[in-house]
Amino acid sequence: MTVLSSRFLLQLTLCAALLGGSSCARRKEAAPAPVAETVKPAPAAAPIKRTAARDLTDVMAEELLLSDEQQTKVRTLLRATVQQVNEARTQFAADKTALNKELMRINTESETQLRQVFSAEQFKQYQLKKRSMQAKMQARRTAEK
């Protein structure tokens, strides 16, 4: 056997020993077993509290100068809206598209009913101040906590 072929056999033997799992320190570590992850559904949104209807009615009464009769009608309407929203969140918890569609329907219905309770000027002011009234209600709720 020549020197070249002896070196080749030695290298081949070393490679086989390294790859075959000898007690060499450079041996590959065993890969950890794959961990199966379970996908958890998104938690259902917390229900809207009935006090939200009262709080929003109070802000509307202040901003739109509602009469006592209007306040009573708006409070009743908003309580029903809160109940509908909570039911929709429960019913469509797994289907966000259906939930959004139902919430839009509820919102449209609520706006239509508010238009009937408010005067034309009050409804115009409501449309202009809607975002600021919602922010004011949130600030009140946060201050109460």
N, C-alpha and C. Protein backbone atom coordinates (compact mmCIF):
# COMPACT_ATOMS: atom_id res chain seq x y z
N MET A 1 0.83 -1.15 0.00
CA MET A 1 0.00 0.00 0.00
C MET A 1 0.89 1.23 0.00
N THR A 2 0.48 2.25 -0.71
CA THR A 2 1.29 3.45 -0.80
C THR A 2 0.94 4.38 0.35
N VAL A 3 1.75 5.38 0.53
CA VAL A 3 1.55 6.36 1.61
C VAL A 3 0.27 7.14 1.35
N LEU A 4 0.01 7.43 0.10
CA LEU A 4 -1.19 8.19 -0.25
C LEU A 4 -2.45 7.40 0.08
N SER A 5 -2.48 6.14 -0.26
CA SER A 5 -3.67 5.34 0.03
C SER A 5 -3.80 5.09 1.53
N SER A 6 -2.71 5.02 2.30
CA SER A 6 -2.81 4.86 3.74
C SER A 6 -3.41 6.12 4.38
N ARG A 7 -3.00 7.27 3.90
CA ARG A 7 -3.58 8.51 4.43
C ARG A 7 -5.07 8.58 4.12
N PHE A 8 -5.41 8.17 2.92
CA PHE A 8 -6.81 8.20 2.52
C PHE A 8 -7.64 7.29 3.43
N LEU A 9 -7.15 6.10 3.71
CA LEU A 9 -7.86 5.17 4.59
C LEU A 9 -7.97 5.73 6.01
N LEU A 10 -6.90 6.37 6.48
CA LEU A 10 -6.91 6.97 7.81
C LEU A 10 -7.95 8.08 7.89
N GLN A 11 -8.00 8.95 6.87
CA GLN A 11 -8.98 10.03 6.83
C GLN A 11 -10.39 9.47 6.75
N LEU A 12 -10.55 8.46 5.93
CA LEU A 12 -11.86 7.83 5.79
C LEU A 12 -12.32 7.22 7.10
N THR A 13 -11.43 6.59 7.82
CA THR A 13 -11.74 5.99 9.10
C THR A 13 -12.09 7.06 10.13
N LEU A 14 -11.33 8.16 10.15
CA LEU A 14 -11.61 9.26 11.08
C LEU A 14 -12.97 9.89 10.78
N CYS A 15 -13.24 10.11 9.50
CA CYS A 15 -14.54 10.69 9.13
C CYS A 15 -15.67 9.77 9.53
N ALA A 16 -15.52 8.50 9.28
CA ALA A 16 -16.56 7.55 9.64
C ALA A 16 -16.77 7.52 11.15
N ALA A 17 -15.67 7.63 11.89
CA ALA A 17 -15.76 7.62 13.35
C ALA A 17 -16.47 8.88 13.84
N LEU A 18 -16.14 10.03 13.24
CA LEU A 18 -16.78 11.28 13.65
C LEU A 18 -18.26 11.29 13.29
N LEU A 19 -18.56 10.86 12.13
CA LEU A 19 -19.96 10.87 11.69
C LEU A 19 -20.77 9.75 12.30
N GLY A 20 -20.12 8.66 12.64
CA GLY A 20 -20.83 7.50 13.14
C GLY A 20 -21.16 7.56 14.61
N GLY A 21 -20.77 8.61 15.31
CA GLY A 21 -21.16 8.73 16.71
C GLY A 21 -20.16 8.11 17.65
N SER A 22 -18.88 8.27 17.38
CA SER A 22 -17.89 7.77 18.33
C SER A 22 -17.88 8.64 19.56
N SER A 23 -17.01 8.37 20.46
CA SER A 23 -16.97 9.14 21.69
C SER A 23 -16.18 10.43 21.53
N CYS A 24 -16.03 10.88 20.36
CA CYS A 24 -15.31 12.12 20.07
C CYS A 24 -16.08 13.31 20.63
N ALA A 25 -15.39 14.31 21.11
CA ALA A 25 -16.01 15.47 21.72
C ALA A 25 -16.76 16.33 20.71
N ARG A 26 -16.48 16.19 19.45
CA ARG A 26 -17.12 17.02 18.44
C ARG A 26 -18.40 16.39 17.90
N ARG A 27 -18.86 15.37 18.53
CA ARG A 27 -20.06 14.67 18.08
C ARG A 27 -21.27 15.61 18.15
N LYS A 28 -22.20 15.43 17.26
CA LYS A 28 -23.42 16.23 17.21
C LYS A 28 -24.30 15.93 18.42
N GLU A 29 -24.86 16.96 18.99
CA GLU A 29 -25.83 16.78 20.07
C GLU A 29 -27.14 16.31 19.46
N ALA A 30 -27.85 15.52 20.19
CA ALA A 30 -29.16 15.06 19.71
C ALA A 30 -30.11 16.25 19.67
N ALA A 31 -30.84 16.38 18.60
CA ALA A 31 -31.79 17.48 18.46
C ALA A 31 -32.93 17.27 19.44
N PRO A 32 -33.38 18.35 20.08
CA PRO A 32 -34.50 18.20 21.02
C PRO A 32 -35.77 17.79 20.26
N ALA A 33 -36.57 17.06 20.93
CA ALA A 33 -37.83 16.60 20.32
C ALA A 33 -38.70 17.81 20.04
N PRO A 34 -39.37 17.84 18.90
CA PRO A 34 -40.23 18.98 18.59
C PRO A 34 -41.38 19.06 19.60
N VAL A 35 -41.71 20.28 19.95
CA VAL A 35 -42.78 20.52 20.91
C VAL A 35 -44.02 20.93 20.13
N ALA A 36 -45.09 20.23 20.37
CA ALA A 36 -46.35 20.57 19.71
C ALA A 36 -46.98 21.74 20.44
N GLU A 37 -47.32 22.78 19.68
CA GLU A 37 -47.96 23.95 20.27
C GLU A 37 -49.44 23.91 19.95
N THR A 38 -50.22 24.22 20.95
CA THR A 38 -51.66 24.27 20.72
C THR A 38 -52.04 25.71 20.46
N VAL A 39 -52.93 25.90 19.54
CA VAL A 39 -53.39 27.23 19.21
C VAL A 39 -54.64 27.50 20.02
N LYS A 40 -54.57 28.55 20.81
CA LYS A 40 -55.71 28.90 21.64
C LYS A 40 -56.54 29.95 20.92
N PRO A 41 -57.86 29.84 20.96
CA PRO A 41 -58.68 30.86 20.33
C PRO A 41 -58.53 32.17 21.09
N ALA A 42 -58.74 33.26 20.37
CA ALA A 42 -58.65 34.57 21.00
C ALA A 42 -59.71 34.67 22.09
N PRO A 43 -59.34 35.26 23.22
CA PRO A 43 -60.33 35.38 24.29
C PRO A 43 -61.47 36.29 23.85
N ALA A 44 -62.64 35.99 24.32
CA ALA A 44 -63.80 36.80 23.99
C ALA A 44 -63.65 38.17 24.64
N ALA A 45 -64.12 39.17 23.93
CA ALA A 45 -64.03 40.53 24.46
C ALA A 45 -64.90 40.62 25.71
N ALA A 46 -64.43 41.40 26.65
CA ALA A 46 -65.19 41.59 27.88
C ALA A 46 -66.50 42.29 27.55
N PRO A 47 -67.58 41.89 28.18
CA PRO A 47 -68.86 42.53 27.88
C PRO A 47 -68.84 44.00 28.29
N ILE A 48 -69.59 44.79 27.56
CA ILE A 48 -69.71 46.20 27.89
C ILE A 48 -70.63 46.32 29.10
N LYS A 49 -70.24 47.10 30.05
CA LYS A 49 -71.04 47.26 31.26
C LYS A 49 -72.26 48.12 30.97
N ARG A 50 -73.32 47.81 31.68
CA ARG A 50 -74.56 48.59 31.51
C ARG A 50 -74.36 50.04 31.92
N THR A 51 -73.40 50.30 32.78
CA THR A 51 -73.15 51.68 33.20
C THR A 51 -72.64 52.54 32.04
N ALA A 52 -72.13 51.89 30.99
CA ALA A 52 -71.66 52.65 29.82
C ALA A 52 -72.82 53.42 29.20
N ALA A 53 -74.00 52.83 29.17
CA ALA A 53 -75.18 53.50 28.63
C ALA A 53 -75.52 54.74 29.47
N ARG A 54 -75.44 54.57 30.79
CA ARG A 54 -75.72 55.70 31.68
C ARG A 54 -74.69 56.81 31.49
N ASP A 55 -73.41 56.41 31.44
CA ASP A 55 -72.35 57.40 31.30
C ASP A 55 -72.46 58.17 29.99
N LEU A 56 -72.71 57.45 28.90
CA LEU A 56 -72.83 58.12 27.61
C LEU A 56 -74.06 59.01 27.57
N THR A 57 -75.14 58.57 28.19
CA THR A 57 -76.35 59.40 28.25
C THR A 57 -76.06 60.68 29.01
N ASP A 58 -75.34 60.57 30.12
CA ASP A 58 -75.00 61.77 30.90
C ASP A 58 -74.17 62.75 30.09
N VAL A 59 -73.23 62.25 29.34
CA VAL A 59 -72.38 63.12 28.51
C VAL A 59 -73.22 63.75 27.40
N MET A 60 -74.09 62.96 26.78
CA MET A 60 -74.95 63.49 25.72
C MET A 60 -75.88 64.57 26.27
N ALA A 61 -76.43 64.31 27.45
CA ALA A 61 -77.34 65.29 28.06
C ALA A 61 -76.64 66.61 28.27
N GLU A 62 -75.41 66.54 28.71
CA GLU A 62 -74.61 67.74 28.97
C GLU A 62 -74.24 68.46 27.67
N GLU A 63 -73.77 67.71 26.70
CA GLU A 63 -73.29 68.30 25.45
C GLU A 63 -74.41 68.77 24.53
N LEU A 64 -75.53 68.04 24.51
CA LEU A 64 -76.61 68.33 23.56
C LEU A 64 -77.82 68.99 24.21
N LEU A 65 -77.70 69.25 25.52
CA LEU A 65 -78.78 69.89 26.27
C LEU A 65 -80.10 69.13 26.10
N LEU A 66 -80.07 67.85 26.45
CA LEU A 66 -81.25 67.01 26.31
C LEU A 66 -82.26 67.30 27.41
N SER A 67 -83.53 67.19 27.07
CA SER A 67 -84.59 67.32 28.07
C SER A 67 -84.62 66.03 28.90
N ASP A 68 -85.35 66.06 30.00
CA ASP A 68 -85.48 64.86 30.84
C ASP A 68 -86.09 63.71 30.05
N GLU A 69 -87.10 64.01 29.25
CA GLU A 69 -87.75 62.98 28.44
C GLU A 69 -86.76 62.38 27.43
N GLN A 70 -85.96 63.23 26.79
CA GLN A 70 -84.97 62.75 25.84
C GLN A 70 -83.92 61.88 26.55
N GLN A 71 -83.51 62.30 27.74
CA GLN A 71 -82.52 61.52 28.48
C GLN A 71 -83.04 60.12 28.78
N THR A 72 -84.29 60.03 29.18
CA THR A 72 -84.89 58.73 29.48
C THR A 72 -84.92 57.85 28.23
N LYS A 73 -85.33 58.43 27.11
CA LYS A 73 -85.38 57.67 25.85
C LYS A 73 -83.99 57.23 25.41
N VAL A 74 -83.02 58.14 25.51
CA VAL A 74 -81.65 57.82 25.08
C VAL A 74 -81.06 56.74 25.98
N ARG A 75 -81.28 56.85 27.28
CA ARG A 75 -80.74 55.85 28.21
C ARG A 75 -81.32 54.46 27.90
N THR A 76 -82.61 54.38 27.65
CA THR A 76 -83.27 53.12 27.30
C THR A 76 -82.70 52.57 25.99
N LEU A 77 -82.58 53.45 25.02
CA LEU A 77 -82.04 53.05 23.71
C LEU A 77 -80.60 52.53 23.84
N LEU A 78 -79.77 53.23 24.59
CA LEU A 78 -78.37 52.82 24.73
C LEU A 78 -78.22 51.53 25.55
N ARG A 79 -79.07 51.34 26.53
CA ARG A 79 -79.05 50.06 27.28
C ARG A 79 -79.36 48.89 26.35
N ALA A 80 -80.37 49.08 25.50
CA ALA A 80 -80.73 48.03 24.54
C ALA A 80 -79.57 47.79 23.57
N THR A 81 -78.90 48.86 23.16
CA THR A 81 -77.76 48.74 22.25
C THR A 81 -76.63 47.97 22.91
N VAL A 82 -76.34 48.29 24.16
CA VAL A 82 -75.29 47.58 24.90
C VAL A 82 -75.62 46.09 24.99
N GLN A 83 -76.87 45.78 25.27
CA GLN A 83 -77.29 44.38 25.37
C GLN A 83 -77.11 43.68 24.03
N GLN A 84 -77.50 44.33 22.94
CA GLN A 84 -77.34 43.74 21.60
C GLN A 84 -75.87 43.51 21.26
N VAL A 85 -75.02 44.46 21.61
CA VAL A 85 -73.59 44.33 21.34
C VAL A 85 -73.01 43.16 22.12
N ASN A 86 -73.36 43.05 23.38
CA ASN A 86 -72.86 41.93 24.19
C ASN A 86 -73.33 40.58 23.65
N GLU A 87 -74.59 40.52 23.23
CA GLU A 87 -75.10 39.28 22.64
C GLU A 87 -74.37 38.94 21.34
N ALA A 88 -74.10 39.95 20.53
CA ALA A 88 -73.40 39.73 19.26
C ALA A 88 -71.97 39.25 19.52
N ARG A 89 -71.30 39.83 20.50
CA ARG A 89 -69.94 39.40 20.84
C ARG A 89 -69.90 37.94 21.28
N THR A 90 -70.93 37.52 21.98
CA THR A 90 -71.01 36.13 22.41
C THR A 90 -71.33 35.22 21.22
N GLN A 91 -72.32 35.61 20.45
CA GLN A 91 -72.78 34.78 19.33
C GLN A 91 -71.72 34.65 18.23
N PHE A 92 -71.00 35.72 17.93
CA PHE A 92 -70.05 35.72 16.82
C PHE A 92 -68.60 35.79 17.28
N ALA A 93 -68.31 35.26 18.45
CA ALA A 93 -66.96 35.34 19.01
C ALA A 93 -65.91 34.71 18.10
N ALA A 94 -66.27 33.66 17.40
CA ALA A 94 -65.31 32.95 16.56
C ALA A 94 -65.26 33.49 15.14
N ASP A 95 -66.18 34.37 14.77
CA ASP A 95 -66.25 34.86 13.39
C ASP A 95 -66.20 36.39 13.39
N LYS A 96 -64.99 36.92 13.27
CA LYS A 96 -64.80 38.38 13.36
C LYS A 96 -65.53 39.13 12.23
N THR A 97 -65.58 38.55 11.05
CA THR A 97 -66.26 39.20 9.94
C THR A 97 -67.75 39.34 10.24
N ALA A 98 -68.36 38.26 10.69
CA ALA A 98 -69.79 38.29 11.03
C ALA A 98 -70.03 39.24 12.20
N LEU A 99 -69.11 39.25 13.17
CA LEU A 99 -69.26 40.15 14.32
C LEU A 99 -69.23 41.60 13.86
N ASN A 100 -68.26 41.96 13.03
CA ASN A 100 -68.18 43.34 12.55
C ASN A 100 -69.42 43.73 11.76
N LYS A 101 -69.92 42.83 10.95
CA LYS A 101 -71.14 43.10 10.19
C LYS A 101 -72.32 43.35 11.12
N GLU A 102 -72.45 42.51 12.15
CA GLU A 102 -73.54 42.66 13.11
C GLU A 102 -73.39 43.96 13.92
N LEU A 103 -72.17 44.30 14.32
CA LEU A 103 -71.96 45.54 15.08
C LEU A 103 -72.29 46.76 14.22
N MET A 104 -71.97 46.70 12.94
CA MET A 104 -72.32 47.82 12.04
C MET A 104 -73.84 47.95 11.93
N ARG A 105 -74.53 46.80 11.86
CA ARG A 105 -75.99 46.83 11.79
C ARG A 105 -76.59 47.44 13.05
N ILE A 106 -76.06 47.02 14.20
CA ILE A 106 -76.54 47.54 15.49
C ILE A 106 -76.29 49.04 15.58
N ASN A 107 -75.11 49.47 15.15
CA ASN A 107 -74.77 50.89 15.19
C ASN A 107 -75.69 51.71 14.29
N THR A 108 -75.96 51.22 13.10
CA THR A 108 -76.85 51.92 12.17
C THR A 108 -78.25 52.05 12.76
N GLU A 109 -78.73 50.95 13.34
CA GLU A 109 -80.06 50.96 13.96
C GLU A 109 -80.11 51.95 15.13
N SER A 110 -79.07 51.97 15.93
CA SER A 110 -79.01 52.88 17.07
C SER A 110 -78.99 54.34 16.61
N GLU A 111 -78.21 54.62 15.58
CA GLU A 111 -78.14 55.99 15.05
C GLU A 111 -79.51 56.43 14.52
N THR A 112 -80.21 55.53 13.85
CA THR A 112 -81.54 55.84 13.32
C THR A 112 -82.50 56.18 14.46
N GLN A 113 -82.42 55.41 15.54
CA GLN A 113 -83.30 55.67 16.69
C GLN A 113 -82.93 56.98 17.39
N LEU A 114 -81.64 57.26 17.48
CA LEU A 114 -81.22 58.53 18.09
C LEU A 114 -81.73 59.72 17.26
N ARG A 115 -81.69 59.59 15.95
CA ARG A 115 -82.17 60.66 15.07
C ARG A 115 -83.64 60.98 15.38
N GLN A 116 -84.43 59.94 15.74
CA GLN A 116 -85.84 60.15 16.05
C GLN A 116 -86.04 60.83 17.40
N VAL A 117 -85.09 60.63 18.32
CA VAL A 117 -85.21 61.23 19.66
C VAL A 117 -84.72 62.67 19.67
N PHE A 118 -83.65 62.95 18.94
CA PHE A 118 -83.04 64.28 18.92
C PHE A 118 -83.78 65.21 17.96
N SER A 119 -83.65 66.49 18.24
CA SER A 119 -84.09 67.47 17.26
C SER A 119 -83.05 67.47 16.12
N ALA A 120 -83.38 68.12 15.02
CA ALA A 120 -82.45 68.16 13.88
C ALA A 120 -81.12 68.79 14.29
N GLU A 121 -81.18 69.86 15.07
CA GLU A 121 -79.95 70.54 15.51
C GLU A 121 -79.16 69.66 16.49
N GLN A 122 -79.86 69.02 17.41
CA GLN A 122 -79.17 68.12 18.35
C GLN A 122 -78.48 66.97 17.62
N PHE A 123 -79.14 66.40 16.61
CA PHE A 123 -78.52 65.30 15.87
C PHE A 123 -77.29 65.79 15.11
N LYS A 124 -77.38 66.98 14.56
CA LYS A 124 -76.23 67.57 13.85
C LYS A 124 -75.06 67.74 14.83
N GLN A 125 -75.36 68.27 16.02
CA GLN A 125 -74.32 68.44 17.05
C GLN A 125 -73.78 67.08 17.50
N TYR A 126 -74.67 66.11 17.62
CA TYR A 126 -74.25 64.76 18.00
C TYR A 126 -73.24 64.21 16.98
N GLN A 127 -73.53 64.37 15.70
CA GLN A 127 -72.63 63.88 14.65
C GLN A 127 -71.27 64.58 14.75
N LEU A 128 -71.28 65.87 15.03
CA LEU A 128 -70.03 66.63 15.13
C LEU A 128 -69.22 66.28 16.38
N LYS A 129 -69.93 66.03 17.49
CA LYS A 129 -69.27 65.85 18.78
C LYS A 129 -69.16 64.39 19.23
N LYS A 130 -69.56 63.46 18.38
CA LYS A 130 -69.62 62.05 18.77
C LYS A 130 -68.29 61.56 19.35
N ARG A 131 -67.20 61.79 18.66
CA ARG A 131 -65.89 61.30 19.11
C ARG A 131 -65.48 61.94 20.44
N SER A 132 -65.70 63.24 20.57
CA SER A 132 -65.30 63.91 21.81
C SER A 132 -66.17 63.45 22.98
N MET A 133 -67.44 63.16 22.73
CA MET A 133 -68.31 62.66 23.80
C MET A 133 -67.86 61.27 24.26
N GLN A 134 -67.47 60.43 23.30
CA GLN A 134 -66.98 59.09 23.66
C GLN A 134 -65.70 59.20 24.49
N ALA A 135 -64.81 60.13 24.10
CA ALA A 135 -63.57 60.33 24.85
C ALA A 135 -63.87 60.84 26.25
N LYS A 136 -64.83 61.73 26.37
CA LYS A 136 -65.23 62.28 27.67
C LYS A 136 -65.79 61.18 28.57
N MET A 137 -66.60 60.30 27.99
CA MET A 137 -67.17 59.19 28.75
C MET A 137 -66.05 58.27 29.25
N GLN A 138 -65.08 57.96 28.37
CA GLN A 138 -63.95 57.12 28.76
C GLN A 138 -63.16 57.76 29.90
N ALA A 139 -62.97 59.06 29.83
CA ALA A 139 -62.22 59.77 30.87
C ALA A 139 -62.97 59.70 32.20
N ARG A 140 -64.29 59.83 32.18
CA ARG A 140 -65.08 59.71 33.40
C ARG A 140 -64.95 58.31 34.01
N ARG A 141 -65.04 57.32 33.12
CA ARG A 141 -64.95 55.93 33.58
C ARG A 141 -63.58 55.65 34.20
N THR A 142 -62.54 56.17 33.59
CA THR A 142 -61.19 55.98 34.10
C THR A 142 -61.01 56.70 35.44
N ALA A 143 -61.59 57.87 35.59
CA ALA A 143 -61.49 58.63 36.83
C ALA A 143 -62.21 57.91 37.98
N GLU A 144 -63.27 57.17 37.65
CA GLU A 144 -64.04 56.46 38.68
C GLU A 144 -63.28 55.26 39.24
N LYS A 145 -62.34 54.73 38.48
CA LYS A 145 -61.62 53.53 38.90
C LYS A 145 -60.56 53.82 39.90
